[in-house]
Protein backbone atom coordinates (compact mmCIF):
# COMPACT_ATOMS: atom_id res chain seq x y z
CA MET A 1 72.57 52.36 125.72
CA LYS A 2 75.82 50.38 126.15
CA LYS A 3 74.50 47.70 123.77
CA THR A 4 73.67 50.34 121.16
CA LEU A 5 77.15 51.87 121.45
CA MET A 6 78.78 48.44 121.08
CA ILE A 7 76.69 47.63 117.98
CA VAL A 8 77.64 50.96 116.38
CA LEU A 9 81.34 50.51 117.17
CA ILE A 10 81.42 46.92 115.88
CA THR A 11 79.68 48.01 112.67
CA PHE A 12 82.18 50.82 112.12
CA ILE A 13 85.15 48.54 112.78
CA ALA A 14 83.79 45.92 110.36
CA LEU A 15 83.25 48.52 107.64
CA SER A 16 86.79 49.87 108.01
CA LEU A 17 88.50 46.50 107.59
CA PRO A 18 90.31 45.77 104.31
CA GLY A 19 87.85 44.66 101.69
CA ALA A 20 84.97 46.66 103.15
CA ASP A 21 83.33 49.00 100.66
CA GLY A 22 84.68 52.51 101.13
CA GLY A 23 86.70 52.67 104.33
CA LYS A 24 87.22 56.45 104.53
CA PHE A 25 87.11 57.71 108.10
CA PHE A 26 86.58 61.13 109.67
CA PHE A 27 86.61 62.47 113.21
CA SER A 28 85.24 65.86 114.27
CA ALA A 29 85.21 67.68 117.61
CA LYS A 30 82.30 70.13 117.87
CA ALA A 31 81.08 73.08 119.87
CA ASN A 32 77.28 73.00 119.97
CA LEU A 33 74.71 75.69 120.71
CA LEU A 34 71.30 74.24 121.61
CA PHE A 35 68.05 76.19 121.75
CA PRO A 36 65.86 73.90 123.93
CA SER A 37 62.34 73.26 122.68
CA ASP A 38 60.81 72.80 126.16
CA SER A 39 59.47 76.10 127.60
CA ASN A 40 59.73 74.88 131.22
CA TYR A 41 63.38 73.97 130.66
CA LYS A 42 64.05 77.46 129.26
CA ASP A 43 62.38 79.06 132.32
CA ILE A 44 64.76 77.22 134.67
CA TYR A 45 68.03 76.91 132.72
CA GLY A 46 67.92 79.64 130.09
CA SER A 47 67.16 79.85 126.39
CA SER A 48 70.43 78.30 125.16
CA VAL A 49 73.10 75.80 126.17
CA ILE A 50 76.69 75.57 124.87
CA PHE A 51 78.34 72.15 125.09
CA PRO A 52 80.99 69.94 123.43
CA GLY A 53 80.53 66.88 121.30
CA PHE A 54 82.28 64.68 118.78
CA GLU A 55 81.39 62.49 115.86
CA ILE A 56 83.03 59.78 113.80
CA GLY A 57 82.05 58.59 110.37
CA PHE A 58 82.94 55.86 107.90
CA LYS A 59 82.34 56.28 104.20
CA VAL A 60 80.53 53.18 103.00
CA ILE A 61 79.26 53.83 99.46
CA LYS A 62 80.42 56.74 97.29
CA ASP A 63 79.61 59.89 99.30
CA PHE A 64 77.40 58.17 101.92
CA TYR A 65 78.73 57.46 105.40
CA LEU A 66 77.65 55.91 108.68
CA LEU A 67 78.11 58.13 111.68
CA ALA A 68 78.09 58.01 115.45
CA GLY A 69 78.46 60.84 117.90
CA TYR A 70 78.31 61.78 121.54
CA GLU A 71 77.25 65.03 123.17
CA GLY A 72 76.59 65.88 126.77
CA PHE A 73 76.15 68.72 129.21
CA SER A 74 75.18 69.70 132.73
CA LYS A 75 73.44 72.98 133.44
CA ASP A 76 72.61 74.67 136.74
CA GLY A 77 69.53 76.84 137.09
CA SER A 78 66.91 78.01 139.53
CA THR A 79 63.19 77.35 139.59
CA PRO A 80 60.88 80.28 138.79
CA VAL A 81 58.69 81.33 141.82
CA LEU A 82 60.60 79.52 144.66
CA ASP A 83 64.11 80.27 143.35
CA GLU A 84 65.36 76.78 144.32
CA THR A 85 68.57 75.38 142.83
CA ALA A 86 68.09 72.88 139.99
CA LYS A 87 70.55 70.85 137.93
CA SER A 88 69.99 69.18 134.57
CA THR A 89 72.30 66.63 132.93
CA GLN A 90 71.78 65.29 129.43
CA LYS A 91 73.84 62.79 127.44
CA VAL A 92 73.10 62.04 123.81
CA LEU A 93 74.32 59.18 121.64
CA LEU A 94 73.76 59.83 117.92
CA PHE A 95 73.94 57.30 115.09
CA GLY A 96 72.77 57.49 111.53
CA LEU A 97 73.50 57.99 107.86
CA GLY A 98 75.05 61.00 106.16
CA TYR A 99 75.88 62.35 102.74
CA TRP A 100 78.99 64.48 102.11
CA GLY A 101 78.85 66.24 98.76
CA GLU A 102 81.40 68.55 97.15
CA LEU A 103 80.68 72.00 95.79
CA SER A 104 84.34 72.70 94.89
CA ASP A 105 87.83 71.62 95.97
CA LYS A 106 87.46 73.66 99.17
CA MET A 107 83.71 73.67 99.88
CA GLY A 108 81.26 70.89 100.51
CA TYR A 109 77.96 70.13 102.20
CA ARG A 110 76.68 67.49 104.58
CA ILE A 111 73.24 66.12 105.31
CA GLU A 112 72.75 63.71 108.24
CA ILE A 113 69.74 61.87 109.61
CA GLY A 114 69.45 59.24 112.30
CA GLY A 115 68.52 58.23 115.81
CA ALA A 116 69.29 59.97 119.07
CA SER A 117 69.36 58.14 122.39
CA PHE A 118 68.92 60.70 125.19
CA SER A 119 69.56 60.01 128.85
CA TYR A 120 68.57 62.77 131.24
CA LYS A 121 68.67 63.53 134.93
CA GLU A 122 67.21 66.50 136.76
CA GLU A 123 67.68 67.38 140.42
CA ALA A 124 65.41 69.93 142.10
CA PHE A 125 63.54 70.28 145.42
CA GLY A 126 65.54 67.37 146.87
CA GLU A 127 64.15 65.00 144.22
CA THR A 128 65.88 63.34 141.28
CA VAL A 129 64.13 62.41 138.04
CA ASP A 130 65.98 60.46 135.39
CA GLY A 131 65.26 58.41 132.34
CA SER A 132 66.11 57.79 128.73
CA LYS A 133 64.25 58.27 125.51
CA PHE A 134 64.86 57.65 121.82
CA GLY A 135 64.21 60.24 119.12
CA PHE A 136 65.56 61.39 115.78
CA PHE A 137 67.95 64.05 114.54
CA LEU A 138 68.49 65.89 111.27
CA ASP A 139 71.57 68.02 110.54
CA SER A 140 72.76 69.80 107.43
CA GLY A 141 75.40 72.38 106.66
CA ILE A 142 78.59 73.31 104.90
CA THR A 143 82.19 72.19 105.15
CA HIS A 144 85.42 73.95 104.24
CA ASN A 145 88.56 71.91 103.54
CA LEU A 146 91.79 73.11 105.12
CA GLY A 147 94.16 71.18 102.90
CA LYS A 148 93.63 67.49 102.11
CA LYS A 149 93.01 66.13 105.61
CA PHE A 150 91.55 68.86 107.81
CA PHE A 151 88.17 70.55 107.61
CA VAL A 152 85.80 72.83 109.48
CA SER A 153 82.03 72.43 109.37
CA LEU A 154 79.01 74.50 110.30
CA LEU A 155 75.88 72.39 110.79
CA LEU A 156 72.32 73.36 111.65
CA GLY A 157 69.91 70.76 112.93
CA TYR A 158 67.06 69.59 115.08
CA CYS A 159 66.74 66.75 117.57
CA SER A 160 63.37 65.72 118.98
CA PRO A 161 62.75 63.10 121.63
CA SER A 162 60.01 63.63 124.21
CA ASP A 163 58.90 61.85 127.37
CA GLU A 164 56.32 62.03 130.15
CA VAL A 165 57.52 62.51 133.73
CA ASN A 166 54.96 62.44 136.56
CA GLY A 167 52.17 63.33 134.14
CA VAL A 168 54.09 66.23 132.58
CA ASP A 169 55.22 66.11 128.95
CA ILE A 170 58.86 67.10 128.47
CA ARG A 171 60.62 67.78 125.19
CA LEU A 172 64.33 67.05 125.05
CA GLY A 173 66.54 68.55 122.39
CA GLY A 174 65.58 71.37 120.06
CA PHE A 175 67.26 73.42 117.35
CA LYS A 176 71.04 73.23 117.35
CA THR A 177 74.01 74.69 115.53
CA SER A 178 77.44 73.04 115.59
CA LEU A 179 80.87 74.33 114.67
CA GLY A 180 83.30 71.47 114.16
CA PHE A 181 86.96 70.94 113.40
CA GLY A 182 87.92 67.56 111.99
CA ILE A 183 90.32 65.30 110.20
CA LYS A 184 89.74 62.90 107.30
CA LEU A 185 91.81 59.72 107.13
């Protein structure tokens, strides 16, 4: 995962140098609401998770941009039947391509697609299970400009990696909505 992050950062730095096509940059801090797609996860930790995240993007050609983001959370729960304490931690590195169109001077829309590198860890019954898996994500939504540099965005999306742990299929991610506040430079 560190290699992937380094490749993404080096690419973004190279694209922002003088002479690179485009060069527009944005940063957004987000509050996310995830509706997990795994029914066993929902039984232990609940049907939704609120967590922070951020994303950066570099405009490369017209309204297209490269993006990278990070999201992560820890959630405590209890197992059904035995009522034992459980803890889940997930960290997600996102990278992909987006399109930022304008509807008017104040309103716009975004569509993003790309890869999602999930690392997860779950502790329950004195055991720890961890791993990482790669999947995809798709987000789309609206933006509202607050002057020339600042914006808010409301994005809806889905992220879908899955894995097998001790013979049990698990689905990471699910449907997500994000409310972000950002700056364009």
